[in-house]
Amino acid sequence: MTDIRDTGPTQRLIIPALGGLYSGLHEGAETLLRVVAGLALVMHGAGKIVDPFGAAGMVESLGFYPGAFWSLMLSCTEFFGGILIALGLLTRPASLAALFVLLVTVWFHGVVRGDGYMGTEKSILWSAIFFYFTIRGGNRHSVDAKLGRAF
């Protein structure tokens, strides 16, 4: 049996009967991951979108000037970007923006605050997820696919 997207070398499953199950569920699992990641980002950004300039001091403390601009970008990226990712609309650019935000949080917790791996673990995992969707985009269960166009 080949890789589920036929992009890799031939694979032999220990339990060959599971091949059909894996093939049948891989797109649904990918869609579920995209939707959950997008909605989690929306929830994380919901508090920020209510006061989009509220993080100005924090982003300036990280070296992002002017703070009001970057605070607004952070709020919009998390809230509206999360909606776009969940829908699968402009999936790649929205995921790239989210990836940038998460890499900044890795740097902040790991370098600025010195929290080590325990402080950066969630941001690293979220970065990997958004990196995946930056490269992969939405699948056929996305608005991008329904429009027949992807970035």
C-alpha atoms as a PDB file:
ATOM      1  CA  MET A   1       0.000   0.000   0.000  1.00  0.00           C
ATOM      2  CA  THR A   2       1.297   3.478  -0.752  1.00  0.00           C
ATOM      3  CA  ASP A   3       1.222   6.555   1.426  1.00  0.00           C
ATOM      4  CA  ILE A   4      -2.295   7.907   1.915  1.00  0.00           C
ATOM      5  CA  ARG A   5      -1.665  10.760  -0.520  1.00  0.00           C
ATOM      6  CA  ASP A   6       0.526   8.694  -2.814  1.00  0.00           C
ATOM      7  CA  THR A   7       3.510  10.944  -2.139  1.00  0.00           C
ATOM      8  CA  GLY A   8       5.753   8.520  -0.356  1.00  0.00           C
ATOM      9  CA  PRO A   9       7.317   5.116  -0.849  1.00  0.00           C
ATOM     10  CA  THR A  10       5.365   1.893  -0.634  1.00  0.00           C
ATOM     11  CA  GLN A  11       4.369   1.094   2.913  1.00  0.00           C
ATOM     12  CA  ARG A  12       3.507  -2.283   4.372  1.00  0.00           C
ATOM     13  CA  LEU A  13       1.069  -2.141   7.242  1.00  0.00           C
ATOM     14  CA  ILE A  14       1.367  -4.609  10.077  1.00  0.00           C
ATOM     15  CA  ILE A  15      -2.406  -5.038   9.855  1.00  0.00           C
ATOM     16  CA  PRO A  16      -3.179  -4.577   6.139  1.00  0.00           C
ATOM     17  CA  ALA A  17      -6.924  -4.484   6.747  1.00  0.00           C
ATOM     18  CA  LEU A  18      -6.478  -1.084   8.416  1.00  0.00           C
ATOM     19  CA  GLY A  19      -5.306   0.477   5.144  1.00  0.00           C
ATOM     20  CA  GLY A  20      -8.844   1.234   4.015  1.00  0.00           C
ATOM     21  CA  LEU A  21      -9.701   2.786   7.364  1.00  0.00           C
ATOM     22  CA  TYR A  22      -6.622   5.032   7.300  1.00  0.00           C
ATOM     23  CA  SER A  23      -7.266   6.066   3.718  1.00  0.00           C
ATOM     24  CA  GLY A  24     -10.895   6.797   4.436  1.00  0.00           C
ATOM     25  CA  LEU A  25     -10.238   8.898   7.527  1.00  0.00           C
ATOM     26  CA  HIS A  26      -7.087  10.860   6.696  1.00  0.00           C
ATOM     27  CA  GLU A  27      -8.852  13.816   5.068  1.00  0.00           C
ATOM     28  CA  GLY A  28     -11.438  14.026   7.825  1.00  0.00           C
ATOM     29  CA  ALA A  29      -8.697  13.963  10.458  1.00  0.00           C
ATOM     30  CA  GLU A  30      -6.826  16.730   8.658  1.00  0.00           C
ATOM     31  CA  THR A  31     -10.016  18.801   8.403  1.00  0.00           C
ATOM     32  CA  LEU A  32     -10.756  18.251  12.086  1.00  0.00           C
ATOM     33  CA  LEU A  33      -7.248  19.399  13.027  1.00  0.00           C
ATOM     34  CA  ARG A  34      -7.603  22.560  10.880  1.00  0.00           C
ATOM     35  CA  VAL A  35     -11.020  23.428  12.317  1.00  0.00           C
ATOM     36  CA  VAL A  36     -10.001  22.781  15.931  1.00  0.00           C
ATOM     37  CA  ALA A  37      -6.758  24.753  15.527  1.00  0.00           C
ATOM     38  CA  GLY A  38      -8.608  27.639  13.902  1.00  0.00           C
ATOM     39  CA  LEU A  39     -11.332  27.736  16.546  1.00  0.00           C
ATOM     40  CA  ALA A  40      -8.785  27.512  19.362  1.00  0.00           C
ATOM     41  CA  LEU A  41      -6.993  30.499  17.842  1.00  0.00           C
ATOM     42  CA  VAL A  42     -10.320  32.370  17.656  1.00  0.00           C
ATOM     43  CA  MET A  43     -10.976  31.648  21.338  1.00  0.00           C
ATOM     44  CA  HIS A  44      -7.477  32.787  22.260  1.00  0.00           C
ATOM     45  CA  GLY A  45      -7.936  36.000  20.276  1.00  0.00           C
ATOM     46  CA  ALA A  46     -11.497  36.722  21.439  1.00  0.00           C
ATOM     47  CA  GLY A  47     -10.322  38.643  24.478  1.00  0.00           C
ATOM     48  CA  LYS A  48      -7.849  40.622  22.409  1.00  0.00           C
ATOM     49  CA  ILE A  49     -10.321  41.625  19.696  1.00  0.00           C
ATOM     50  CA  VAL A  50     -12.517  43.309  22.333  1.00  0.00           C
ATOM     51  CA  ASP A  51      -9.571  45.609  23.157  1.00  0.00           C
ATOM     52  CA  PRO A  52      -7.364  45.384  20.054  1.00  0.00           C
ATOM     53  CA  PHE A  53      -4.854  47.944  21.342  1.00  0.00           C
ATOM     54  CA  GLY A  54      -4.634  46.446  24.827  1.00  0.00           C
ATOM     55  CA  ALA A  55      -1.417  44.561  24.118  1.00  0.00           C
ATOM     56  CA  ALA A  56       0.452  47.630  22.825  1.00  0.00           C
ATOM     57  CA  GLY A  57       2.736  47.827  25.837  1.00  0.00           C
ATOM     58  CA  MET A  58       3.470  44.119  25.763  1.00  0.00           C
ATOM     59  CA  VAL A  59       4.379  44.052  22.061  1.00  0.00           C
ATOM     60  CA  GLU A  60       6.561  47.137  22.459  1.00  0.00           C
ATOM     61  CA  SER A  61       8.374  45.404  25.331  1.00  0.00           C
ATOM     62  CA  LEU A  62       9.239  42.716  22.767  1.00  0.00           C
ATOM     63  CA  GLY A  63      10.613  45.298  20.340  1.00  0.00           C
ATOM     64  CA  PHE A  64       7.616  45.626  18.016  1.00  0.00           C
ATOM     65  CA  TYR A  65       7.006  49.331  17.339  1.00  0.00           C
ATOM     66  CA  PRO A  66       4.573  51.023  17.096  1.00  0.00           C
ATOM     67  CA  GLY A  67       2.826  48.951  19.737  1.00  0.00           C
ATOM     68  CA  ALA A  68      -0.685  50.045  18.734  1.00  0.00           C
ATOM     69  CA  PHE A  69      -0.176  48.738  15.182  1.00  0.00           C
ATOM     70  CA  TRP A  70       1.295  45.401  16.257  1.00  0.00           C
ATOM     71  CA  SER A  71      -1.309  44.945  18.987  1.00  0.00           C
ATOM     72  CA  LEU A  72      -4.033  45.403  16.364  1.00  0.00           C
ATOM     73  CA  MET A  73      -2.276  42.946  14.031  1.00  0.00           C
ATOM     74  CA  LEU A  74      -1.958  40.411  16.853  1.00  0.00           C
ATOM     75  CA  SER A  75      -5.649  40.725  17.714  1.00  0.00           C
ATOM     76  CA  CYS A  76      -6.775  40.412  14.087  1.00  0.00           C
ATOM     77  CA  THR A  77      -4.401  37.538  13.343  1.00  0.00           C
ATOM     78  CA  GLU A  78      -5.646  35.491  16.248  1.00  0.00           C
ATOM     79  CA  PHE A  79      -9.352  36.242  15.936  1.00  0.00           C
ATOM     80  CA  PHE A  80     -10.003  36.704  12.204  1.00  0.00           C
ATOM     81  CA  GLY A  81      -7.098  34.482  11.144  1.00  0.00           C
ATOM     82  CA  GLY A  82      -8.504  31.699  13.299  1.00  0.00           C
ATOM     83  CA  ILE A  83     -11.886  32.056  11.587  1.00  0.00           C
ATOM     84  CA  LEU A  84     -10.207  31.891   8.166  1.00  0.00           C
ATOM     85  CA  ILE A  85      -8.209  28.803   9.141  1.00  0.00           C
ATOM     86  CA  ALA A  86     -11.277  27.042  10.558  1.00  0.00           C
ATOM     87  CA  LEU A  87     -13.205  27.759   7.353  1.00  0.00           C
ATOM     88  CA  GLY A  88     -10.270  26.902   5.132  1.00  0.00           C
ATOM     89  CA  LEU A  89     -10.408  30.305   3.424  1.00  0.00           C
ATOM     90  CA  LEU A  90      -7.030  31.841   2.580  1.00  0.00           C
ATOM     91  CA  THR A  91      -5.675  28.980   4.639  1.00  0.00           C
ATOM     92  CA  ARG A  92      -2.004  29.404   3.772  1.00  0.00           C
ATOM     93  CA  PRO A  93      -1.625  33.157   4.443  1.00  0.00           C
ATOM     94  CA  ALA A  94      -3.755  32.954   7.600  1.00  0.00           C
ATOM     95  CA  SER A  95      -1.691  30.011   8.839  1.00  0.00           C
ATOM     96  CA  LEU A  96       1.545  31.821   8.022  1.00  0.00           C
ATOM     97  CA  ALA A  97       0.416  34.825  10.077  1.00  0.00           C
ATOM     98  CA  ALA A  98      -0.551  32.525  12.959  1.00  0.00           C
ATOM     99  CA  LEU A  99       2.799  30.740  12.643  1.00  0.00           C
ATOM    100  CA  PHE A 100       4.604  34.084  12.965  1.00  0.00           C
ATOM    101  CA  VAL A 101       2.614  34.928  16.113  1.00  0.00           C
ATOM    102  CA  LEU A 102       3.360  31.526  17.648  1.00  0.00           C
ATOM    103  CA  LEU A 103       7.073  31.696  16.842  1.00  0.00           C
ATOM    104  CA  VAL A 104       7.197  35.052  18.626  1.00  0.00           C
ATOM    105  CA  THR A 105       5.600  33.398  21.663  1.00  0.00           C
ATOM    106  CA  VAL A 106       8.220  30.627  21.512  1.00  0.00           C
ATOM    107  CA  TRP A 107      10.932  33.289  21.517  1.00  0.00           C
ATOM    108  CA  PHE A 108       9.212  35.295  24.262  1.00  0.00           C
ATOM    109  CA  HIS A 109       8.736  32.364  26.629  1.00  0.00           C
ATOM    110  CA  GLY A 110      11.980  30.613  25.779  1.00  0.00           C
ATOM    111  CA  VAL A 111      14.410  33.533  25.488  1.00  0.00           C
ATOM    112  CA  VAL A 112      12.886  36.649  27.054  1.00  0.00           C
ATOM    113  CA  ARG A 113      11.294  34.987  30.073  1.00  0.00           C
ATOM    114  CA  GLY A 114      13.611  31.979  30.188  1.00  0.00           C
ATOM    115  CA  ASP A 115      10.736  29.556  30.801  1.00  0.00           C
ATOM    116  CA  GLY A 116      12.524  26.743  28.976  1.00  0.00           C
ATOM    117  CA  TYR A 117      10.725  23.902  27.277  1.00  0.00           C
ATOM    118  CA  MET A 118       7.842  23.874  29.749  1.00  0.00           C
ATOM    119  CA  GLY A 119       7.069  27.481  28.866  1.00  0.00           C
ATOM    120  CA  THR A 120       7.382  26.975  25.134  1.00  0.00           C
ATOM    121  CA  GLU A 121       5.878  23.521  24.675  1.00  0.00           C
ATOM    122  CA  LYS A 122       2.351  24.595  23.662  1.00  0.00           C
ATOM    123  CA  SER A 123       3.657  27.312  21.360  1.00  0.00           C
ATOM    124  CA  ILE A 124       5.993  24.831  19.677  1.00  0.00           C
ATOM    125  CA  LEU A 125       3.117  22.401  19.100  1.00  0.00           C
ATOM    126  CA  TRP A 126       0.843  25.161  17.759  1.00  0.00           C
ATOM    127  CA  SER A 127       3.679  26.411  15.536  1.00  0.00           C
ATOM    128  CA  ALA A 128       4.047  22.943  14.035  1.00  0.00           C
ATOM    129  CA  ILE A 129       0.316  22.777  13.325  1.00  0.00           C
ATOM    130  CA  PHE A 130       0.239  26.166  11.619  1.00  0.00           C
ATOM    131  CA  PHE A 131       3.447  25.355   9.710  1.00  0.00           C
ATOM    132  CA  TYR A 132       1.693  22.256   8.384  1.00  0.00           C
ATOM    133  CA  PHE A 133      -1.294  24.259   7.142  1.00  0.00           C
ATOM    134  CA  THR A 134       0.976  26.991   5.741  1.00  0.00           C
ATOM    135  CA  ILE A 135       2.537  24.334   3.519  1.00  0.00           C
ATOM    136  CA  ARG A 136      -0.496  22.088   2.976  1.00  0.00           C
ATOM    137  CA  GLY A 137      -3.314  24.648   2.773  1.00  0.00           C
ATOM    138  CA  GLY A 138      -6.882  23.497   3.146  1.00  0.00           C
ATOM    139  CA  ASN A 139      -8.010  20.196   1.711  1.00  0.00           C
ATOM    140  CA  ARG A 140     -11.134  19.437  -0.310  1.00  0.00           C
ATOM    141  CA  HIS A 141     -13.213  20.221   2.792  1.00  0.00           C
ATOM    142  CA  SER A 142     -12.239  23.899   2.727  1.00  0.00           C
ATOM    143  CA  VAL A 143     -13.723  27.061   1.293  1.00  0.00           C
ATOM    144  CA  ASP A 144     -10.544  27.418  -0.776  1.00  0.00           C
ATOM    145  CA  ALA A 145     -11.343  24.110  -2.487  1.00  0.00           C
ATOM    146  CA  LYS A 146     -15.004  25.020  -2.977  1.00  0.00           C
ATOM    147  CA  LEU A 147     -13.908  28.239  -4.687  1.00  0.00           C
ATOM    148  CA  GLY A 148     -11.452  26.280  -6.804  1.00  0.00           C
ATOM    149  CA  ARG A 149      -8.666  28.687  -5.856  1.00  0.00           C
ATOM    150  CA  ALA A 150      -5.927  28.553  -3.262  1.00  0.00           C
ATOM    151  CA  PHE A 151      -3.203  30.995  -2.340  1.00  0.00           C
END
